[in-house]
N, C-alpha and C. Protein backbone atom coordinates (compact mmCIF):
# COMPACT_ATOMS: atom_id res chain seq x y z
N MET A 1 -31.77 -14.71 40.33
CA MET A 1 -33.07 -13.71 39.49
C MET A 1 -31.72 -12.61 38.46
N ARG A 2 -30.65 -12.35 38.87
CA ARG A 2 -29.48 -11.72 38.47
C ARG A 2 -29.19 -12.31 37.10
N LEU A 3 -28.89 -13.88 37.43
CA LEU A 3 -28.24 -14.77 36.67
C LEU A 3 -29.48 -14.86 35.55
N LEU A 4 -30.72 -14.86 35.77
CA LEU A 4 -31.44 -15.32 34.22
C LEU A 4 -31.50 -14.09 33.74
N ALA A 5 -31.35 -12.74 34.11
CA ALA A 5 -31.05 -11.47 33.43
C ALA A 5 -30.22 -11.23 33.01
N LEU A 6 -29.18 -12.09 33.37
CA LEU A 6 -27.48 -11.51 32.31
C LEU A 6 -27.71 -12.49 31.07
N ALA A 7 -28.32 -13.69 31.14
CA ALA A 7 -28.11 -14.69 30.18
C ALA A 7 -29.24 -14.06 29.34
N ALA A 8 -30.26 -13.63 30.04
CA ALA A 8 -31.13 -12.76 28.53
C ALA A 8 -30.59 -11.68 28.32
N THR A 9 -29.64 -10.63 28.70
CA THR A 9 -28.97 -9.55 28.29
C THR A 9 -27.94 -10.22 27.11
N ALA A 10 -27.55 -10.98 27.70
CA ALA A 10 -26.16 -12.08 26.43
C ALA A 10 -26.80 -12.37 24.99
N ALA A 11 -28.55 -13.26 25.32
CA ALA A 11 -29.13 -13.24 24.19
C ALA A 11 -29.00 -12.82 23.59
N ILE A 12 -29.60 -11.51 24.11
CA ILE A 12 -30.03 -10.29 22.86
C ILE A 12 -28.79 -9.93 22.50
N LEU A 13 -27.97 -9.46 23.25
CA LEU A 13 -26.72 -8.79 22.28
C LEU A 13 -26.10 -9.97 21.11
N PHE A 14 -26.49 -10.98 21.57
CA PHE A 14 -25.43 -12.07 20.31
C PHE A 14 -26.57 -12.25 19.01
N PHE A 15 -27.81 -12.31 19.42
CA PHE A 15 -29.05 -11.92 18.06
C PHE A 15 -28.51 -10.73 17.64
N LEU A 16 -28.37 -9.34 18.25
CA LEU A 16 -28.15 -8.43 17.55
C LEU A 16 -27.02 -8.71 16.81
N SER A 17 -25.95 -9.02 17.03
CA SER A 17 -24.51 -9.26 16.40
C SER A 17 -24.76 -9.43 15.04
N LEU A 18 -25.77 -10.69 15.06
CA LEU A 18 -25.65 -11.58 13.83
C LEU A 18 -26.46 -11.04 12.08
N PRO A 19 -26.02 -10.86 11.26
CA PRO A 19 -26.88 -9.96 9.94
C PRO A 19 -27.85 -10.58 10.21
N ALA A 20 -28.43 -9.63 9.25
CA ALA A 20 -29.93 -9.56 9.26
C ALA A 20 -30.13 -10.69 7.99
N ARG A 21 -31.18 -11.55 8.18
CA ARG A 21 -31.53 -12.98 7.03
C ARG A 21 -31.30 -12.14 5.97
N GLY A 22 -30.83 -12.59 4.89
CA GLY A 22 -30.47 -12.32 3.45
C GLY A 22 -28.83 -11.70 3.52
N GLN A 23 -28.80 -10.86 4.01
CA GLN A 23 -27.61 -10.12 3.96
C GLN A 23 -26.01 -11.25 4.16
N LEU A 24 -25.27 -10.95 3.71
CA LEU A 24 -23.94 -11.11 3.68
C LEU A 24 -22.62 -11.16 4.18
N LEU A 25 -21.85 -11.57 5.04
CA LEU A 25 -21.25 -10.91 6.21
C LEU A 25 -20.26 -10.35 4.96
N PRO A 26 -19.41 -9.02 5.23
CA PRO A 26 -18.14 -8.79 3.90
C PRO A 26 -17.42 -9.39 4.00
N ARG A 27 -16.48 -10.18 3.05
CA ARG A 27 -15.15 -10.61 2.82
C ARG A 27 -14.38 -10.06 2.27
N ILE A 28 -13.44 -10.32 3.38
CA ILE A 28 -12.20 -9.38 3.29
C ILE A 28 -11.39 -10.41 2.46
N PRO A 29 -10.60 -9.86 1.37
CA PRO A 29 -9.83 -11.05 0.59
C PRO A 29 -8.44 -10.87 1.20
N PRO A 30 -7.52 -11.97 1.28
CA PRO A 30 -6.22 -12.10 1.79
C PRO A 30 -5.46 -10.78 1.01
N PRO A 31 -4.46 -10.60 2.23
CA PRO A 31 -3.67 -9.15 1.61
C PRO A 31 -3.07 -9.28 0.36
N ASP A 32 -2.43 -11.12 -0.06
CA ASP A 32 -1.69 -10.77 -1.42
C ASP A 32 -2.75 -10.50 -2.61
N THR A 33 -3.93 -10.77 -2.80
CA THR A 33 -4.94 -10.75 -3.48
C THR A 33 -5.26 -9.63 -3.95
N VAL A 34 -5.08 -8.26 -3.19
CA VAL A 34 -5.21 -7.09 -3.41
C VAL A 34 -4.64 -6.20 -4.38
N LYS A 35 -5.13 -5.83 -5.39
CA LYS A 35 -4.29 -5.10 -6.37
C LYS A 35 -4.99 -3.94 -6.26
N TYR A 36 -4.00 -2.92 -6.11
CA TYR A 36 -4.38 -1.08 -7.27
C TYR A 36 -4.10 -0.76 -8.46
N GLN A 37 -5.30 -0.50 -9.09
CA GLN A 37 -4.71 0.13 -10.40
C GLN A 37 -4.18 1.29 -10.24
N MET A 38 -3.47 1.83 -11.21
CA MET A 38 -2.28 2.55 -11.18
C MET A 38 -2.85 3.51 -12.31
N LYS A 39 -2.85 5.11 -12.73
CA LYS A 39 -2.55 5.39 -13.83
C LYS A 39 -2.48 7.04 -13.54
N ASP A 40 -1.68 7.57 -14.38
CA ASP A 40 -1.48 9.10 -14.01
C ASP A 40 -2.12 10.16 -13.29
N GLY A 41 -1.75 10.28 -12.24
CA GLY A 41 -2.67 11.43 -10.95
C GLY A 41 -2.88 10.40 -9.99
N SER A 42 -2.85 8.96 -10.19
CA SER A 42 -3.20 8.18 -9.00
C SER A 42 -2.16 8.02 -7.75
N PHE A 43 -2.52 7.84 -6.65
CA PHE A 43 -1.58 7.76 -5.27
C PHE A 43 -2.60 6.37 -4.58
N LEU A 44 -1.18 6.09 -3.79
CA LEU A 44 -1.27 5.73 -2.78
C LEU A 44 -0.84 6.42 -1.72
N ALA A 45 -1.54 6.12 -0.18
CA ALA A 45 -0.65 7.05 0.63
C ALA A 45 -0.23 6.16 1.93
N PHE A 46 0.58 6.13 2.76
CA PHE A 46 0.80 5.34 3.59
C PHE A 46 0.93 6.82 4.94
N ARG A 47 0.23 6.78 5.54
CA ARG A 47 0.26 7.76 6.84
C ARG A 47 1.30 7.04 8.34
N GLN A 48 1.64 8.19 8.14
CA GLN A 48 3.48 8.03 9.62
C GLN A 48 4.35 7.12 9.30
N VAL A 49 4.78 6.87 8.42
CA VAL A 49 5.49 6.03 8.13
C VAL A 49 7.33 6.43 8.93
N ASN A 50 7.82 5.75 9.60
CA ASN A 50 8.76 5.89 10.28
C ASN A 50 10.25 5.77 9.13
N LEU A 51 10.58 6.60 8.94
CA LEU A 51 11.93 6.84 7.77
C LEU A 51 13.14 6.81 8.36
N SER A 52 13.50 6.54 9.96
CA SER A 52 14.56 6.29 9.88
C SER A 52 15.06 5.38 10.79
N MET A 53 14.22 3.79 10.51
CA MET A 53 14.79 2.67 11.03
C MET A 53 15.82 1.91 10.46
N GLY A 54 16.50 2.64 9.79
CA GLY A 54 17.41 1.73 8.44
C GLY A 54 16.72 1.20 7.40
N GLU A 55 15.84 1.87 6.25
CA GLU A 55 15.95 1.92 5.20
C GLU A 55 16.63 2.42 4.29
N ILE A 56 17.12 1.36 3.27
CA ILE A 56 17.76 2.02 2.19
C ILE A 56 16.96 2.27 0.76
N GLY A 57 15.99 1.84 0.85
CA GLY A 57 14.96 1.83 -0.26
C GLY A 57 13.50 0.84 -0.04
N PHE A 58 12.77 0.87 -1.51
CA PHE A 58 11.63 0.13 -1.35
C PHE A 58 11.55 -0.74 -2.29
N GLU A 59 10.29 -1.77 -1.92
CA GLU A 59 10.63 -2.55 -2.72
C GLU A 59 9.09 -2.78 -3.82
N VAL A 60 8.34 -2.38 -4.91
CA VAL A 60 7.43 -2.42 -5.21
C VAL A 60 7.25 -3.83 -6.05
N THR A 61 5.67 -4.44 -6.17
CA THR A 61 4.98 -5.30 -7.01
C THR A 61 4.35 -4.83 -7.71
N ILE A 62 4.59 -5.14 -8.86
CA ILE A 62 3.91 -4.37 -10.31
C ILE A 62 3.64 -5.76 -11.08
N SER A 63 2.67 -5.25 -11.76
CA SER A 63 2.26 -5.76 -13.34
C SER A 63 1.54 -4.72 -13.75
N SER A 64 2.49 -5.04 -15.41
CA SER A 64 1.79 -4.05 -16.31
C SER A 64 1.80 -4.57 -17.65
N ASN A 65 0.82 -4.04 -18.28
CA ASN A 65 1.17 -4.24 -20.12
C ASN A 65 1.19 -2.87 -20.63
N ILE A 66 2.51 -2.33 -20.78
CA ILE A 66 2.72 -1.03 -21.72
C ILE A 66 2.79 -1.66 -22.91
N LYS A 67 2.30 -0.47 -23.88
CA LYS A 67 2.59 -0.52 -25.23
C LYS A 67 3.23 0.86 -25.55
N SER A 68 3.31 1.53 -24.74
CA SER A 68 3.81 3.07 -24.91
C SER A 68 5.07 3.11 -25.04
N LYS A 69 5.90 4.24 -25.87
CA LYS A 69 7.14 4.09 -25.57
C LYS A 69 7.34 5.04 -24.36
N ASN A 70 6.61 6.32 -24.08
CA ASN A 70 6.61 6.80 -23.08
C ASN A 70 6.08 6.32 -21.79
N GLY A 71 5.89 5.25 -21.15
CA GLY A 71 5.52 4.68 -20.30
C GLY A 71 5.83 4.98 -18.78
N PRO A 72 5.14 4.40 -18.13
CA PRO A 72 4.61 5.49 -16.79
C PRO A 72 5.76 5.01 -15.84
N ARG A 73 5.68 6.28 -15.18
CA ARG A 73 6.79 5.77 -13.79
C ARG A 73 6.34 6.03 -12.16
N LEU A 74 6.96 5.67 -11.45
CA LEU A 74 6.30 6.17 -9.73
C LEU A 74 7.20 6.57 -8.87
N GLU A 75 6.35 7.68 -8.46
CA GLU A 75 7.16 8.76 -7.96
C GLU A 75 6.76 8.65 -6.33
N PHE A 76 8.04 8.52 -5.46
CA PHE A 76 7.87 8.46 -3.92
C PHE A 76 8.49 9.70 -3.90
N ARG A 77 7.24 10.30 -2.77
CA ARG A 77 6.84 11.80 -2.44
C ARG A 77 6.39 11.67 -1.15
N ILE A 78 7.08 12.29 -0.56
CA ILE A 78 6.74 12.65 1.14
C ILE A 78 5.82 13.65 1.82
N ASP A 79 5.16 13.75 2.25
CA ASP A 79 4.15 14.46 3.27
C ASP A 79 3.21 15.15 2.56
N ARG A 80 3.23 14.89 1.33
CA ARG A 80 1.62 15.46 0.39
C ARG A 80 1.86 14.78 -1.13
N PRO A 81 0.84 14.44 -1.49
CA PRO A 81 1.17 14.01 -3.22
C PRO A 81 2.03 14.58 -4.12
N LYS A 82 2.08 15.98 -3.85
CA LYS A 82 2.65 16.85 -4.75
C LYS A 82 4.05 17.87 -3.21
N GLY A 83 4.36 16.25 -2.13
CA GLY A 83 5.43 17.21 -1.84
C GLY A 83 6.83 16.64 -2.48
N LYS A 84 7.84 16.66 -1.48
CA LYS A 84 9.11 16.77 -1.96
C LYS A 84 9.19 15.17 -2.29
N LYS A 85 9.91 15.20 -3.82
CA LYS A 85 10.44 13.78 -4.19
C LYS A 85 11.31 12.98 -3.73
N ILE A 86 11.39 12.07 -3.12
CA ILE A 86 12.41 11.71 -2.90
C ILE A 86 12.95 9.99 -3.86
N GLY A 87 12.28 9.85 -4.88
CA GLY A 87 12.91 8.76 -5.90
C GLY A 87 12.17 8.63 -6.94
N THR A 88 11.96 7.86 -7.80
CA THR A 88 11.54 7.40 -9.17
C THR A 88 11.93 6.24 -9.44
N LEU A 89 10.85 5.29 -10.17
CA LEU A 89 10.99 4.22 -10.53
C LEU A 89 9.93 4.09 -11.88
N LYS A 90 10.88 3.93 -12.99
CA LYS A 90 10.66 3.57 -14.60
C LYS A 90 9.44 2.29 -14.03
N ILE A 91 8.73 2.37 -14.55
CA ILE A 91 7.34 1.01 -14.71
C ILE A 91 7.88 0.35 -16.08
N PRO A 92 8.42 -1.03 -15.81
CA PRO A 92 8.57 -1.50 -17.15
C PRO A 92 7.09 -2.70 -17.67
N ASP A 93 7.41 -3.31 -18.88
CA ASP A 93 6.21 -3.63 -19.28
C ASP A 93 6.37 -5.39 -18.64
N THR A 94 5.88 -5.61 -18.00
CA THR A 94 5.68 -6.83 -17.23
C THR A 94 5.21 -8.49 -17.95
N ALA A 95 4.28 -8.20 -19.20
CA ALA A 95 3.37 -8.94 -20.06
C ALA A 95 2.58 -9.39 -19.03
N ASP A 96 1.61 -8.62 -18.31
CA ASP A 96 0.76 -8.96 -17.09
C ASP A 96 1.10 -10.42 -16.28
N THR A 97 2.82 -9.93 -15.80
CA THR A 97 2.79 -11.21 -14.68
C THR A 97 3.79 -10.60 -13.97
N THR A 98 3.52 -10.68 -12.48
CA THR A 98 4.14 -10.22 -11.28
C THR A 98 5.59 -9.95 -11.52
N PHE A 99 6.41 -8.78 -10.92
CA PHE A 99 7.64 -8.51 -11.01
C PHE A 99 7.72 -7.69 -10.66
N ASN A 100 9.02 -7.62 -9.53
CA ASN A 100 9.41 -6.58 -8.34
C ASN A 100 10.27 -5.95 -8.79
N ILE A 101 10.25 -4.65 -8.56
CA ILE A 101 10.96 -3.48 -9.18
C ILE A 101 11.54 -2.81 -7.80
N LYS A 102 12.99 -2.33 -7.56
CA LYS A 102 13.18 -1.83 -6.13
C LYS A 102 14.13 -0.60 -6.52
N LEU A 103 13.55 0.47 -5.49
CA LEU A 103 14.19 1.99 -5.46
C LEU A 103 15.20 1.52 -4.34
N THR A 104 16.24 1.98 -4.36
CA THR A 104 17.43 2.04 -3.65
C THR A 104 18.26 3.20 -3.31
N GLY A 105 18.82 3.40 -2.36
CA GLY A 105 19.43 4.82 -2.58
C GLY A 105 19.96 5.62 -0.94
N GLN A 106 20.43 6.37 -0.81
CA GLN A 106 19.86 7.10 0.67
C GLN A 106 18.86 7.66 0.71
N LEU A 107 18.09 7.61 1.90
CA LEU A 107 16.62 8.48 2.35
C LEU A 107 17.14 9.38 3.03
N ARG A 108 18.53 10.30 3.12
CA ARG A 108 18.39 11.18 3.87
C ARG A 108 17.53 12.31 3.89
N HIS A 109 17.20 12.43 2.62
CA HIS A 109 16.12 13.89 2.33
C HIS A 109 14.73 13.40 3.07
N ALA A 110 14.70 11.97 3.25
CA ALA A 110 13.20 11.55 4.22
C ALA A 110 13.39 11.50 5.50
N PHE A 111 14.12 11.81 6.43
CA PHE A 111 14.82 11.17 7.42
C PHE A 111 13.59 11.58 8.43
N GLY A 112 12.92 10.70 9.54
CA GLY A 112 12.33 11.05 10.47
C GLY A 112 11.05 10.20 9.92
N ILE A 113 9.78 10.79 10.36
CA ILE A 113 8.41 10.39 10.64
C ILE A 113 7.38 11.39 9.42
N HIS A 114 7.30 10.86 8.34
CA HIS A 114 6.20 11.46 6.82
C HIS A 114 5.06 10.49 6.49
N ASP A 115 4.07 11.16 5.77
CA ASP A 115 3.28 10.68 5.28
C ASP A 115 4.02 10.16 3.96
N LEU A 116 4.18 9.10 3.26
CA LEU A 116 4.73 8.62 2.33
C LEU A 116 3.62 8.34 1.37
N PHE A 117 3.70 8.86 0.01
CA PHE A 117 2.71 8.88 -0.99
C PHE A 117 3.44 8.13 -2.09
N LEU A 118 3.25 7.28 -3.05
CA LEU A 118 3.54 6.58 -4.32
C LEU A 118 2.36 7.28 -5.56
N VAL A 119 3.24 8.21 -5.97
CA VAL A 119 2.08 8.99 -7.16
C VAL A 119 2.65 8.24 -8.61
N ALA A 120 1.46 7.93 -9.48
CA ALA A 120 1.97 7.53 -10.91
C ALA A 120 1.53 8.55 -11.58
N LYS A 121 2.98 8.71 -12.97
CA LYS A 121 2.97 9.72 -13.66
C LYS A 121 2.77 8.84 -14.83
N GLY A 122 3.00 9.64 -16.37
CA GLY A 122 3.06 9.42 -17.23
C GLY A 122 1.63 8.63 -18.23
N GLU A 123 1.85 8.12 -19.31
CA GLU A 123 1.23 7.48 -20.16
C GLU A 123 1.06 6.21 -19.94
N GLY A 124 0.39 4.93 -19.52
CA GLY A 124 0.09 3.62 -19.15
C GLY A 124 -0.80 3.86 -18.00
N GLU A 125 -1.27 2.25 -17.87
CA GLU A 125 -1.34 1.53 -16.57
C GLU A 125 -0.57 0.91 -16.04
N PHE A 126 -0.55 0.31 -14.46
CA PHE A 126 -0.01 -0.70 -14.18
C PHE A 126 -0.87 -0.93 -12.55
N GLU A 127 -0.44 -2.46 -12.26
CA GLU A 127 -1.06 -2.52 -10.86
C GLU A 127 -0.26 -2.78 -9.69
N ILE A 128 -0.64 -2.30 -8.55
CA ILE A 128 0.77 -2.73 -7.42
C ILE A 128 -0.35 -3.53 -6.62
N SER A 129 0.42 -4.89 -6.46
CA SER A 129 0.56 -5.47 -5.21
C SER A 129 0.83 -6.08 -4.50
N GLY A 130 2.19 -5.08 -4.22
CA GLY A 130 2.67 -5.38 -2.65
C GLY A 130 4.18 -3.97 -2.56
N PHE A 131 3.83 -3.87 -1.84
CA PHE A 131 5.02 -2.86 -1.51
C PHE A 131 5.89 -3.28 -0.11
N GLY A 132 7.09 -2.90 0.01
CA GLY A 132 8.03 -3.25 1.39
C GLY A 132 9.35 -2.49 1.57
N PHE A 133 9.72 -2.50 2.69
CA PHE A 133 10.88 -1.58 2.99
C PHE A 133 12.02 -2.48 2.28
N ILE A 134 13.39 -1.86 1.80
CA ILE A 134 14.78 -2.43 1.82
C ILE A 134 15.51 -2.11 2.86
N HIS A 135 15.50 -2.50 3.92
CA HIS A 135 16.32 -2.73 5.21
C HIS A 135 17.98 -2.81 5.01
N ASN A 136 18.44 -1.68 5.60
CA ASN A 136 19.94 -1.58 5.78
C ASN A 136 20.39 -2.72 7.03
N TYR A 137 20.67 -3.84 7.13
CA TYR A 137 20.83 -4.72 8.40
C TYR A 137 21.82 -4.32 9.26
N TYR A 138 22.93 -3.66 8.37
CA TYR A 138 24.23 -3.43 8.88
C TYR A 138 24.38 -1.98 9.17
N ALA A 139 23.30 -1.04 9.49
CA ALA A 139 22.79 -0.17 9.96
C ALA A 139 23.50 0.26 11.89
N GLU A 140 23.79 1.02 11.85
CA GLU A 140 24.57 1.52 13.93
C GLU A 140 22.94 0.90 14.28
N ARG A 141 23.07 0.91 15.12
CA ARG A 141 22.06 0.99 16.09
C ARG A 141 22.20 1.26 17.60
């Protein structure tokens, strides 16, 4: 009797987990196809980033088609969107191709765990499709 009750409960839970007729399951795109449109004032936030693991910079994958002379820039700020600025990158015209730009230097002003914000400033729009850290592999352990 217990085996029958257990089988019935499992069957009910299985059917409840299926989508209703006519509904589609949400499609999650692969990570390399996600692009974030950036313009003046928009930002991307990364919560609780440990900046004390030997990082010497950031690498951002962008694409842009900028026609203005006063092109956009990307500011790296900690703790909040208007927080302490730890670096700036000027966004070049990539003619809609994907391009990697790098910000390197000492991040000693951002040592520790912080919220990291990538804030767009200036005229023009661009897309960010990748972000990563540049590590100093020769740092003392």
